[in-house]
């Protein structure tokens, strides 16, 4: 009888713990912050802040899990942290900022992102360390400026009298850009 009561208590406690972990009721608003580390091993904690319109939720994350390779290099393991934000937060942008700290409390890296809060739901935020930077797009080559001191081309030669008619020959060509000389008139011969 005693074993049966203990089993019932253990089962009830297990179910209660399971429901407590899974509790994400329709009224709870969650930001799931995903942390990714690329070769970072010197940090021991993260100061996490989520801010919307002057209201801030802060957490100090400690005891970060690490992995040590065969050659003795220790790196942080990736993980996520589930953070409940106030019910008063609206469907609007919020800044998620994570400051990675070394054992002495000095900043190792800072990264932040912006997410849109989903009241009564969940949204994921991703922070990478070291922060990934986007390559800037190269500036286009500027068009060369025209040289105002250059000279224009030479005009064309006028037509002969046969082509232009018997009215004294063709006209001279027009001057090129920049002040070149006009061409010579036609000869007016038939």
C-alpha atoms as a PDB file:
ATOM      1  CA  UNK A   1       0.000   0.000   0.000  1.00  0.00           C
ATOM      2  CA  UNK A   2       2.803   2.347   0.853  1.00  0.00           C
ATOM      3  CA  UNK A   3       4.564   1.657  -2.486  1.00  0.00           C
ATOM      4  CA  UNK A   4       1.342   2.389  -4.336  1.00  0.00           C
ATOM      5  CA  UNK A   5       0.906   5.781  -2.622  1.00  0.00           C
ATOM      6  CA  UNK A   6       4.531   6.668  -3.366  1.00  0.00           C
ATOM      7  CA  UNK A   7       4.002   5.722  -7.023  1.00  0.00           C
ATOM      8  CA  UNK A   8       0.899   7.921  -7.196  1.00  0.00           C
ATOM      9  CA  UNK A   9       2.752  10.858  -5.635  1.00  0.00           C
ATOM     10  CA  UNK A  10       5.717  10.426  -7.986  1.00  0.00           C
ATOM     11  CA  UNK A  11       3.408  10.164 -11.015  1.00  0.00           C
ATOM     12  CA  UNK A  12       1.431  13.237  -9.928  1.00  0.00           C
ATOM     13  CA  UNK A  13       4.653  15.192  -9.322  1.00  0.00           C
ATOM     14  CA  UNK A  14       5.990  14.122 -12.729  1.00  0.00           C
ATOM     15  CA  UNK A  15       2.787  15.192 -14.468  1.00  0.00           C
ATOM     16  CA  UNK A  16       2.762  18.500 -12.627  1.00  0.00           C
ATOM     17  CA  UNK A  17       6.377  19.160 -13.645  1.00  0.00           C
ATOM     18  CA  UNK A  18       5.591  18.236 -17.248  1.00  0.00           C
ATOM     19  CA  UNK A  19       2.597  20.582 -17.345  1.00  0.00           C
ATOM     20  CA  UNK A  20       4.634  23.359 -15.708  1.00  0.00           C
ATOM     21  CA  UNK A  21       7.358  23.027 -18.357  1.00  0.00           C
ATOM     22  CA  UNK A  22       4.891  22.906 -21.229  1.00  0.00           C
ATOM     23  CA  UNK A  23       2.712  25.716 -19.918  1.00  0.00           C
ATOM     24  CA  UNK A  24       2.537  28.242 -22.658  1.00  0.00           C
ATOM     25  CA  UNK A  25      -1.008  29.363 -22.204  1.00  0.00           C
ATOM     26  CA  UNK A  26      -2.801  31.534 -24.693  1.00  0.00           C
ATOM     27  CA  UNK A  27      -2.124  34.585 -22.503  1.00  0.00           C
ATOM     28  CA  UNK A  28       1.652  34.105 -22.270  1.00  0.00           C
ATOM     29  CA  UNK A  29       3.884  35.953 -24.734  1.00  0.00           C
ATOM     30  CA  UNK A  30       7.261  34.298 -25.344  1.00  0.00           C
ATOM     31  CA  UNK A  31      10.550  35.267 -26.977  1.00  0.00           C
ATOM     32  CA  UNK A  32      12.696  32.183 -27.630  1.00  0.00           C
ATOM     33  CA  UNK A  33      16.267  33.500 -27.845  1.00  0.00           C
ATOM     34  CA  UNK A  34      18.612  31.165 -29.743  1.00  0.00           C
ATOM     35  CA  UNK A  35      22.328  31.554 -28.964  1.00  0.00           C
ATOM     36  CA  UNK A  36      24.951  30.252 -31.399  1.00  0.00           C
ATOM     37  CA  UNK A  37      28.700  30.274 -30.683  1.00  0.00           C
ATOM     38  CA  UNK A  38      31.392  29.846 -33.320  1.00  0.00           C
ATOM     39  CA  UNK A  39      34.595  28.973 -31.474  1.00  0.00           C
ATOM     40  CA  UNK A  40      33.859  31.186 -28.460  1.00  0.00           C
ATOM     41  CA  UNK A  41      35.175  29.677 -25.250  1.00  0.00           C
ATOM     42  CA  UNK A  42      36.239  32.477 -22.911  1.00  0.00           C
ATOM     43  CA  UNK A  43      32.780  33.624 -21.801  1.00  0.00           C
ATOM     44  CA  UNK A  44      30.946  32.458 -18.696  1.00  0.00           C
ATOM     45  CA  UNK A  45      27.653  34.382 -18.769  1.00  0.00           C
ATOM     46  CA  UNK A  46      25.255  36.387 -20.922  1.00  0.00           C
ATOM     47  CA  UNK A  47      23.406  39.542 -19.911  1.00  0.00           C
ATOM     48  CA  UNK A  48      20.148  39.336 -21.866  1.00  0.00           C
ATOM     49  CA  UNK A  49      17.778  42.269 -22.336  1.00  0.00           C
ATOM     50  CA  UNK A  50      14.551  42.419 -24.318  1.00  0.00           C
ATOM     51  CA  UNK A  51      13.150  45.916 -24.713  1.00  0.00           C
ATOM     52  CA  UNK A  52       9.935  47.291 -26.183  1.00  0.00           C
ATOM     53  CA  UNK A  53       8.969  50.956 -25.866  1.00  0.00           C
ATOM     54  CA  UNK A  54      11.014  51.534 -22.711  1.00  0.00           C
ATOM     55  CA  UNK A  55       9.873  48.380 -20.906  1.00  0.00           C
ATOM     56  CA  UNK A  56      12.735  45.897 -20.382  1.00  0.00           C
ATOM     57  CA  UNK A  57      12.957  42.249 -19.346  1.00  0.00           C
ATOM     58  CA  UNK A  58      16.466  41.307 -18.137  1.00  0.00           C
ATOM     59  CA  UNK A  59      18.099  37.957 -17.419  1.00  0.00           C
ATOM     60  CA  UNK A  60      21.606  36.978 -16.368  1.00  0.00           C
ATOM     61  CA  UNK A  61      22.363  33.577 -17.906  1.00  0.00           C
ATOM     62  CA  UNK A  62      25.165  31.721 -16.120  1.00  0.00           C
ATOM     63  CA  UNK A  63      26.592  28.192 -16.089  1.00  0.00           C
ATOM     64  CA  UNK A  64      26.818  28.111 -19.857  1.00  0.00           C
ATOM     65  CA  UNK A  65      27.482  24.596 -21.157  1.00  0.00           C
ATOM     66  CA  UNK A  66      30.820  23.999 -22.861  1.00  0.00           C
ATOM     67  CA  UNK A  67      32.517  21.290 -24.862  1.00  0.00           C
ATOM     68  CA  UNK A  68      36.246  20.560 -24.731  1.00  0.00           C
ATOM     69  CA  UNK A  69      37.815  18.990 -27.809  1.00  0.00           C
ATOM     70  CA  UNK A  70      40.592  16.364 -27.759  1.00  0.00           C
ATOM     71  CA  UNK A  71      43.167  19.091 -28.331  1.00  0.00           C
ATOM     72  CA  UNK A  72      41.981  20.980 -25.220  1.00  0.00           C
ATOM     73  CA  UNK A  73      39.969  23.763 -26.896  1.00  0.00           C
ATOM     74  CA  UNK A  74      36.843  24.676 -24.930  1.00  0.00           C
ATOM     75  CA  UNK A  75      33.881  26.226 -26.737  1.00  0.00           C
ATOM     76  CA  UNK A  76      30.368  27.196 -25.698  1.00  0.00           C
ATOM     77  CA  UNK A  77      27.469  25.010 -26.759  1.00  0.00           C
ATOM     78  CA  UNK A  78      24.540  26.542 -28.638  1.00  0.00           C
ATOM     79  CA  UNK A  79      21.268  26.751 -26.708  1.00  0.00           C
ATOM     80  CA  UNK A  80      18.029  28.689 -26.444  1.00  0.00           C
ATOM     81  CA  UNK A  81      16.360  30.549 -23.590  1.00  0.00           C
ATOM     82  CA  UNK A  82      12.592  30.911 -23.339  1.00  0.00           C
ATOM     83  CA  UNK A  83      11.652  34.348 -21.946  1.00  0.00           C
ATOM     84  CA  UNK A  84       8.133  35.451 -21.025  1.00  0.00           C
ATOM     85  CA  UNK A  85       7.489  39.154 -21.632  1.00  0.00           C
ATOM     86  CA  UNK A  86       4.748  41.300 -20.064  1.00  0.00           C
ATOM     87  CA  UNK A  87       1.162  40.913 -21.239  1.00  0.00           C
ATOM     88  CA  UNK A  88       1.106  44.650 -21.922  1.00  0.00           C
ATOM     89  CA  UNK A  89       3.584  44.291 -24.808  1.00  0.00           C
ATOM     90  CA  UNK A  90       1.942  44.763 -28.200  1.00  0.00           C
ATOM     91  CA  UNK A  91       2.489  43.381 -31.679  1.00  0.00           C
ATOM     92  CA  UNK A  92       5.363  45.721 -32.368  1.00  0.00           C
ATOM     93  CA  UNK A  93       9.152  45.561 -32.713  1.00  0.00           C
ATOM     94  CA  UNK A  94      11.280  44.679 -29.676  1.00  0.00           C
ATOM     95  CA  UNK A  95      15.075  44.730 -29.399  1.00  0.00           C
ATOM     96  CA  UNK A  96      16.772  41.562 -28.127  1.00  0.00           C
ATOM     97  CA  UNK A  97      20.330  42.253 -26.907  1.00  0.00           C
ATOM     98  CA  UNK A  98      22.794  39.720 -25.561  1.00  0.00           C
ATOM     99  CA  UNK A  99      26.109  40.745 -23.990  1.00  0.00           C
ATOM    100  CA  UNK A 100      28.567  37.863 -23.676  1.00  0.00           C
ATOM    101  CA  UNK A 101      30.751  38.306 -20.564  1.00  0.00           C
ATOM    102  CA  UNK A 102      34.082  36.779 -19.528  1.00  0.00           C
ATOM    103  CA  UNK A 103      34.770  35.406 -16.007  1.00  0.00           C
ATOM    104  CA  UNK A 104      35.758  38.894 -14.801  1.00  0.00           C
ATOM    105  CA  UNK A 105      32.544  40.492 -16.112  1.00  0.00           C
ATOM    106  CA  UNK A 106      34.163  42.229 -19.085  1.00  0.00           C
ATOM    107  CA  UNK A 107      32.308  42.292 -22.391  1.00  0.00           C
ATOM    108  CA  UNK A 108      33.484  39.726 -24.942  1.00  0.00           C
ATOM    109  CA  UNK A 109      30.835  40.316 -27.642  1.00  0.00           C
ATOM    110  CA  UNK A 110      27.541  42.169 -27.967  1.00  0.00           C
ATOM    111  CA  UNK A 111      24.872  41.225 -30.471  1.00  0.00           C
ATOM    112  CA  UNK A 112      21.303  42.364 -30.945  1.00  0.00           C
ATOM    113  CA  UNK A 113      18.386  41.794 -33.240  1.00  0.00           C
ATOM    114  CA  UNK A 114      14.854  43.090 -33.625  1.00  0.00           C
ATOM    115  CA  UNK A 115      11.777  40.840 -33.533  1.00  0.00           C
ATOM    116  CA  UNK A 116       8.066  41.554 -33.709  1.00  0.00           C
ATOM    117  CA  UNK A 117       6.309  40.471 -30.519  1.00  0.00           C
ATOM    118  CA  UNK A 118       3.343  38.127 -30.989  1.00  0.00           C
ATOM    119  CA  UNK A 119       0.947  38.671 -28.025  1.00  0.00           C
ATOM    120  CA  UNK A 120      -0.289  35.321 -26.746  1.00  0.00           C
ATOM    121  CA  UNK A 121       2.242  33.543 -28.963  1.00  0.00           C
ATOM    122  CA  UNK A 122       5.945  33.023 -29.463  1.00  0.00           C
ATOM    123  CA  UNK A 123       8.643  34.516 -31.633  1.00  0.00           C
ATOM    124  CA  UNK A 124      12.241  33.357 -32.167  1.00  0.00           C
ATOM    125  CA  UNK A 125      15.289  35.633 -31.943  1.00  0.00           C
ATOM    126  CA  UNK A 126      18.750  34.546 -33.106  1.00  0.00           C
ATOM    127  CA  UNK A 127      22.015  35.858 -31.644  1.00  0.00           C
ATOM    128  CA  UNK A 128      25.393  34.663 -32.966  1.00  0.00           C
ATOM    129  CA  UNK A 129      28.797  35.086 -31.329  1.00  0.00           C
ATOM    130  CA  UNK A 130      30.966  36.453 -32.705  1.00  0.00           C
ATOM    131  CA  UNK A 131      28.290  38.552 -34.391  1.00  0.00           C
ATOM    132  CA  UNK A 132      28.009  37.856 -38.087  1.00  0.00           C
ATOM    133  CA  UNK A 133      28.532  40.975 -40.145  1.00  0.00           C
ATOM    134  CA  UNK A 134      27.103  41.531 -43.578  1.00  0.00           C
ATOM    135  CA  UNK A 135      29.551  42.348 -46.331  1.00  0.00           C
ATOM    136  CA  UNK A 136      28.894  45.878 -47.568  1.00  0.00           C
ATOM    137  CA  UNK A 137      28.029  46.147 -51.222  1.00  0.00           C
ATOM    138  CA  UNK A 138      30.829  47.752 -53.226  1.00  0.00           C
ATOM    139  CA  UNK A 139      30.321  51.351 -54.267  1.00  0.00           C
ATOM    140  CA  UNK A 140      29.676  51.686 -58.024  1.00  0.00           C
ATOM    141  CA  UNK A 141      32.490  53.234 -60.049  1.00  0.00           C
ATOM    142  CA  UNK A 142      31.707  56.907 -60.714  1.00  0.00           C
ATOM    143  CA  UNK A 143      31.242  57.991 -64.311  1.00  0.00           C
ATOM    144  CA  UNK A 144      34.218  60.031 -65.569  1.00  0.00           C
ATOM    145  CA  UNK A 145      33.581  63.770 -65.707  1.00  0.00           C
ATOM    146  CA  UNK A 146      33.841  65.368 -69.184  1.00  0.00           C
ATOM    147  CA  UNK A 147      37.020  67.414 -69.682  1.00  0.00           C
ATOM    148  CA  UNK A 148      35.924  71.056 -70.208  1.00  0.00           C
ATOM    149  CA  UNK A 149      39.328  71.983 -71.698  1.00  0.00           C
ATOM    150  CA  UNK A 150      39.157  69.473 -74.554  1.00  0.00           C
ATOM    151  CA  UNK A 151      38.824  70.468 -78.206  1.00  0.00           C
ATOM    152  CA  UNK A 152      35.976  69.598 -80.502  1.00  0.00           C
ATOM    153  CA  UNK A 153      36.224  67.603 -83.687  1.00  0.00           C
ATOM    154  CA  UNK A 154      36.571  68.966 -87.214  1.00  0.00           C
ATOM    155  CA  UNK A 155      33.407  69.557 -89.228  1.00  0.00           C
ATOM    156  CA  UNK A 156      32.620  67.629 -92.388  1.00  0.00           C
ATOM    157  CA  UNK A 157      33.160  68.688 -96.003  1.00  0.00           C
ATOM    158  CA  UNK A 158      30.313  70.315 -97.933  1.00  0.00           C
ATOM    159  CA  UNK A 159      28.729  68.556-100.916  1.00  0.00           C
ATOM    160  CA  UNK A 160      29.514  69.384-104.524  1.00  0.00           C
ATOM    161  CA  UNK A 161      27.187  71.354-106.768  1.00  0.00           C
ATOM    162  CA  UNK A 162      25.835  68.229-108.483  1.00  0.00           C
ATOM    163  CA  UNK A 163      24.471  66.827-105.269  1.00  0.00           C
ATOM    164  CA  UNK A 164      23.455  70.020-103.570  1.00  0.00           C
ATOM    165  CA  UNK A 165      21.902  71.591-106.682  1.00  0.00           C
ATOM    166  CA  UNK A 166      23.167  74.411-108.777  1.00  0.00           C
ATOM    167  CA  UNK A 167      22.871  76.969-106.064  1.00  0.00           C
ATOM    168  CA  UNK A 168      26.491  77.583-105.313  1.00  0.00           C
ATOM    169  CA  UNK A 169      27.501  74.311-103.708  1.00  0.00           C
ATOM    170  CA  UNK A 170      26.696  72.615-100.452  1.00  0.00           C
ATOM    171  CA  UNK A 171      27.118  74.114 -97.056  1.00  0.00           C
ATOM    172  CA  UNK A 172      30.123  73.434 -94.845  1.00  0.00           C
ATOM    173  CA  UNK A 173      29.891  70.772 -92.137  1.00  0.00           C
ATOM    174  CA  UNK A 174      28.980  71.657 -88.594  1.00  0.00           C
ATOM    175  CA  UNK A 175      31.602  72.134 -85.941  1.00  0.00           C
ATOM    176  CA  UNK A 176      32.264  69.276 -83.554  1.00  0.00           C
ATOM    177  CA  UNK A 177      31.537  69.534 -79.810  1.00  0.00           C
ATOM    178  CA  UNK A 178      33.913  71.780 -77.946  1.00  0.00           C
ATOM    179  CA  UNK A 179      34.550  74.346 -80.668  1.00  0.00           C
ATOM    180  CA  UNK A 180      36.035  72.496 -83.649  1.00  0.00           C
ATOM    181  CA  UNK A 181      36.134  74.215 -87.018  1.00  0.00           C
ATOM    182  CA  UNK A 182      33.436  73.816 -89.646  1.00  0.00           C
ATOM    183  CA  UNK A 183      34.149  72.100 -92.935  1.00  0.00           C
ATOM    184  CA  UNK A 184      34.728  73.769 -96.309  1.00  0.00           C
ATOM    185  CA  UNK A 185      31.900  74.658 -98.661  1.00  0.00           C
ATOM    186  CA  UNK A 186      31.248  72.730-101.867  1.00  0.00           C
ATOM    187  CA  UNK A 187      32.543  74.055-105.183  1.00  0.00           C
ATOM    188  CA  UNK A 188      29.245  74.645-107.040  1.00  0.00           C
ATOM    189  CA  UNK A 189      30.416  73.013-110.275  1.00  0.00           C
ATOM    190  CA  UNK A 190      28.086  70.985-112.419  1.00  0.00           C
END
